[in-house]
Amino acid sequence: MKLHPGLYPVLILVSACTPRAASEQEEDEAKLASRPVATVTVAGRSTADCAVQWNAQAMTMPQLSERLDATMHEAIEAIDGPQNLTEENTPRIRFEAGSQTPWVCVRFALNRVQAGGFNPLQIRPSDVTAAPFSTVQFPLEPPQAGGGPRALTIRGDGTMSWNGSPIRVRDFPVLAQMEGVGLDVDLSAEDDAPFRAVYETVGALEQAHIRAILPYCHWQTRTPQPPGTPLCS
């Protein structure tokens, strides 16, 4: 039975709590030794000319969704069913974009990657030679009410705010000390923010041992969602 890809993150969360034999885990890793399975590349200067590629093959956003869905389905078949899907054996996607590509174009593609169940995600600019990958994650479930605000926003001019107050990269280590070990921040960007600003921010967060969590969204499916949960665009 082919499950809707929107259920894959939930299955990862559930199955991660189920121990498996070491030999089974080794077999799973061998089957998925080819990870990352693909590189998604995005380019464009506005919503009118956003372009996406899968391993250098041009495609539309709906085609990207179909390819992501098929890739995850094949990976699940390789490990004999969704009940064996874990964070460790989920296939990885690498994500690249031009340094000046606006976040609105990047977000269109990222939302499809999230909906496909690919998590975490390695990102880097496509036009910077030998740029290292940085890692971002998607939430495994909708944000819970009552949690403290940890919102880091990148503006179109590259400046940032922390819960509405200005913040700079050099403040990240202090932020980590104030908030405690294992800090996760909800990272978002304005539509016209350049991809490179987001990439460099994620790298600086990693240096401060802070994990960047991208916004949660969902596609209109039969899966119930809390009121107010944003739709993927």
Protein backbone atom coordinates (compact mmCIF):
# COMPACT_ATOMS: atom_id res chain seq x y z
CA MET A 1 0.00 0.00 0.00
CA LYS A 2 1.34 3.41 -0.93
CA LEU A 3 0.95 5.91 1.89
CA HIS A 4 0.53 9.64 1.44
CA PRO A 5 3.98 11.25 1.81
CA GLY A 6 2.62 13.60 4.44
CA LEU A 7 2.55 10.63 6.83
CA TYR A 8 6.26 9.83 6.45
CA PRO A 9 7.50 12.31 9.10
CA VAL A 10 5.00 10.84 11.57
CA LEU A 11 6.22 7.33 10.79
CA ILE A 12 9.81 8.43 11.37
CA LEU A 13 8.83 9.76 14.80
CA VAL A 14 6.96 6.58 15.77
CA SER A 15 9.37 4.03 14.37
CA ALA A 16 12.38 5.76 15.92
CA CYS A 17 11.10 4.51 19.27
CA THR A 18 11.10 0.86 18.09
CA PRO A 19 14.48 -0.90 18.51
CA ARG A 20 15.71 -3.14 15.70
CA ALA A 21 18.46 -5.74 15.53
CA ALA A 22 21.92 -4.45 14.62
CA SER A 23 22.09 -6.76 11.61
CA GLU A 24 18.81 -5.39 10.30
CA GLN A 25 20.05 -1.83 10.71
CA GLU A 26 23.27 -2.66 8.84
CA GLU A 27 21.24 -4.14 5.98
CA ASP A 28 19.10 -1.02 5.84
CA GLU A 29 22.16 1.21 5.68
CA ALA A 30 23.64 -0.92 2.92
CA LYS A 31 20.45 -0.64 0.88
CA LEU A 32 20.53 3.14 1.21
CA ALA A 33 24.29 3.53 0.78
CA SER A 34 23.74 5.74 -2.26
CA ARG A 35 22.39 8.64 -0.16
CA PRO A 36 22.00 11.48 -0.88
CA VAL A 37 19.67 10.33 -3.60
CA ALA A 38 19.50 13.63 -5.47
CA THR A 39 20.37 17.31 -5.59
CA VAL A 40 17.53 19.80 -5.97
CA THR A 41 18.66 23.11 -7.43
CA VAL A 42 16.61 26.32 -7.48
CA ALA A 43 17.21 29.55 -9.40
CA GLY A 44 15.24 32.68 -10.16
CA ARG A 45 14.88 36.36 -9.39
CA SER A 46 11.16 36.55 -8.65
CA THR A 47 8.07 34.37 -8.41
CA ALA A 48 7.65 34.81 -12.17
CA ASP A 49 10.83 32.94 -13.09
CA CYS A 50 11.47 30.41 -10.31
CA ALA A 51 13.14 27.37 -11.85
CA VAL A 52 13.94 24.01 -10.28
CA GLN A 53 16.12 21.06 -11.29
CA TRP A 54 16.44 17.49 -10.06
CA ASN A 55 20.01 16.28 -10.66
CA ALA A 56 20.38 19.00 -13.32
CA GLN A 57 17.13 17.98 -15.04
CA ALA A 58 14.69 20.88 -15.36
CA MET A 59 11.16 20.28 -14.10
CA THR A 60 8.10 22.07 -12.81
CA MET A 61 7.23 22.30 -9.13
CA PRO A 62 4.43 19.69 -9.50
CA GLN A 63 6.91 17.38 -11.24
CA LEU A 64 9.32 17.90 -8.35
CA SER A 65 6.61 16.80 -5.94
CA GLU A 66 5.98 13.67 -7.99
CA ARG A 67 9.70 12.84 -8.13
CA LEU A 68 10.10 13.31 -4.38
CA ASP A 69 7.07 11.13 -3.72
CA ALA A 70 8.37 8.36 -6.00
CA THR A 71 11.86 8.52 -4.50
CA MET A 72 10.60 8.18 -0.94
CA HIS A 73 8.30 5.33 -1.99
CA GLU A 74 11.23 3.46 -3.55
CA ALA A 75 13.31 3.96 -0.40
CA ILE A 76 10.51 2.57 1.77
CA GLU A 77 10.21 -0.48 -0.46
CA ALA A 78 13.98 -1.03 -0.09
CA ILE A 79 13.62 -1.37 3.69
CA ASP A 80 10.50 -3.56 3.49
CA GLY A 81 7.86 -1.10 4.55
CA PRO A 82 7.19 2.24 6.27
CA GLN A 83 7.31 0.63 9.71
CA ASN A 84 11.09 0.39 9.26
CA LEU A 85 11.56 4.03 8.34
CA THR A 86 13.78 5.91 10.80
CA GLU A 87 15.58 9.22 10.87
CA GLU A 88 18.81 7.34 10.18
CA ASN A 89 17.69 5.49 7.06
CA THR A 90 15.53 8.19 5.50
CA PRO A 91 17.09 9.09 2.12
CA ARG A 92 18.74 12.48 1.99
CA ILE A 93 18.23 15.31 -0.47
CA ARG A 94 20.85 17.97 -1.07
CA PHE A 95 19.45 21.41 -1.80
CA GLU A 96 21.24 24.17 -3.70
CA ALA A 97 20.19 27.63 -4.88
CA GLY A 98 21.84 30.67 -6.40
CA SER A 99 23.22 33.09 -3.82
CA GLN A 100 20.81 35.84 -4.84
CA THR A 101 17.79 33.61 -5.44
CA PRO A 102 14.94 35.12 -3.38
CA TRP A 103 13.62 33.07 -0.51
CA VAL A 104 10.17 32.95 -2.08
CA CYS A 105 11.52 30.72 -4.89
CA VAL A 106 13.49 28.61 -2.42
CA ARG A 107 10.46 28.22 -0.17
CA PHE A 108 8.31 26.87 -3.01
CA ALA A 109 10.75 23.98 -3.47
CA LEU A 110 11.52 23.46 0.22
CA ASN A 111 7.84 23.04 1.01
CA ARG A 112 7.69 20.18 -1.47
CA VAL A 113 10.77 18.57 0.04
CA GLN A 114 9.15 18.82 3.47
CA ALA A 115 5.88 17.34 2.20
CA GLY A 116 7.84 14.43 0.71
CA GLY A 117 9.18 13.48 4.15
CA PHE A 118 12.85 14.30 3.53
CA ASN A 119 14.41 15.46 6.78
CA PRO A 120 17.01 16.80 7.63
CA LEU A 121 18.25 18.67 4.59
CA GLN A 122 21.71 19.77 3.49
CA ILE A 123 21.84 23.19 1.82
CA ARG A 124 24.44 25.35 0.08
CA PRO A 125 24.68 28.01 -2.65
CA SER A 126 25.09 26.59 -6.14
CA ASP A 127 27.34 29.39 -7.36
CA VAL A 128 29.98 29.40 -4.61
CA THR A 129 32.91 27.10 -5.35
CA ALA A 130 33.39 24.33 -2.79
CA ALA A 131 30.88 25.82 -0.36
CA PRO A 132 30.33 23.41 2.53
CA PHE A 133 26.86 22.07 3.23
CA SER A 134 24.90 23.31 6.23
CA THR A 135 22.01 21.39 7.75
CA VAL A 136 18.44 22.50 8.37
CA GLN A 137 15.52 20.50 9.66
CA PHE A 138 11.78 20.50 9.30
CA PRO A 139 9.52 19.98 12.33
CA LEU A 140 8.21 16.43 12.65
CA GLU A 141 4.87 17.73 13.89
CA PRO A 142 2.97 21.02 14.10
CA PRO A 143 4.17 23.51 16.74
CA GLN A 144 2.51 23.06 20.11
CA ALA A 145 0.60 25.83 21.81
CA GLY A 146 2.26 27.31 24.87
CA GLY A 147 5.85 26.97 23.67
CA GLY A 148 8.14 29.93 24.17
CA PRO A 149 8.87 32.06 21.09
CA ARG A 150 12.23 31.29 19.48
CA ALA A 151 11.76 33.05 16.16
CA LEU A 152 14.78 34.10 14.13
CA THR A 153 13.74 36.06 11.04
CA ILE A 154 15.95 37.13 8.14
CA ARG A 155 14.80 40.29 6.39
CA GLY A 156 15.13 41.16 2.74
CA ASP A 157 18.19 43.32 3.41
CA GLY A 158 19.95 40.48 5.22
CA THR A 159 19.48 41.86 8.75
CA MET A 160 17.91 39.64 11.40
CA SER A 161 15.55 39.80 14.35
CA TRP A 162 15.14 37.51 17.37
CA ASN A 163 11.55 37.52 18.61
CA GLY A 164 11.19 40.95 16.99
CA SER A 165 14.40 42.48 18.37
CA PRO A 166 17.51 43.10 16.24
CA ILE A 167 20.25 40.45 16.48
CA ARG A 168 23.60 39.89 14.77
CA VAL A 169 25.61 36.79 13.99
CA ARG A 170 28.12 37.63 16.71
CA ASP A 171 25.27 37.42 19.24
CA PHE A 172 24.56 33.73 18.51
CA PRO A 173 27.04 32.28 21.06
CA VAL A 174 25.57 34.52 23.77
CA LEU A 175 22.08 33.45 22.73
CA ALA A 176 23.10 29.80 23.03
CA GLN A 177 24.42 30.40 26.54
CA MET A 178 21.29 32.24 27.63
CA GLU A 179 18.84 29.69 26.21
CA GLY A 180 20.76 26.57 27.19
CA VAL A 181 22.22 23.50 25.49
CA GLY A 182 20.38 22.03 22.52
CA LEU A 183 18.70 25.23 21.41
CA ASP A 184 16.41 24.99 18.40
CA VAL A 185 15.37 28.18 16.64
CA ASP A 186 12.44 28.64 14.28
CA LEU A 187 14.14 30.10 11.23
CA SER A 188 12.16 32.03 8.64
CA ALA A 189 12.95 34.61 5.98
CA GLU A 190 11.08 37.33 4.14
CA ASP A 191 10.22 36.52 0.54
CA ASP A 192 12.89 38.81 -0.89
CA ALA A 193 15.69 37.65 1.40
CA PRO A 194 18.57 36.19 -0.67
CA PHE A 195 19.30 32.51 -0.23
CA ARG A 196 22.92 33.20 0.68
CA ALA A 197 21.82 35.21 3.73
CA VAL A 198 19.85 32.20 4.95
CA TYR A 199 22.71 29.80 4.20
CA GLU A 200 25.27 31.93 6.04
CA THR A 201 22.91 32.32 9.00
CA VAL A 202 22.44 28.56 9.24
CA GLY A 203 26.21 28.07 9.17
CA ALA A 204 26.70 30.62 11.96
CA LEU A 205 24.00 28.91 14.02
CA GLU A 206 25.76 25.58 13.59
CA GLN A 207 29.01 27.14 14.82
CA ALA A 208 27.14 28.24 17.96
CA HIS A 209 25.64 24.74 18.35
CA ILE A 210 22.15 25.98 17.54
CA ARG A 211 19.87 23.97 15.26
CA ALA A 212 17.85 25.75 12.56
CA ILE A 213 14.25 24.54 12.20
CA LEU A 214 12.36 25.71 9.12
CA PRO A 215 8.65 26.60 9.30
CA TYR A 216 6.08 23.82 9.41
CA CYS A 217 3.44 23.71 6.73
CA HIS A 218 1.08 21.08 5.34
CA TRP A 219 -0.64 20.25 2.10
CA GLN A 220 -4.41 20.05 1.91
CA THR A 221 -4.90 16.37 2.69
CA ARG A 222 -7.19 14.25 4.81
CA THR A 223 -4.67 14.33 7.64
CA PRO A 224 -6.14 16.49 10.43
CA GLN A 225 -4.12 19.61 11.27
CA PRO A 226 -4.47 22.07 14.17
CA PRO A 227 -6.39 25.26 13.32
CA GLY A 228 -4.15 27.95 11.91
CA THR A 229 -1.47 25.57 10.61
CA PRO A 230 -0.05 27.28 7.48
CA LEU A 231 -0.58 25.66 4.11
CA CYS A 232 2.40 24.85 1.92
CA SER A 233 2.55 27.09 -1.13
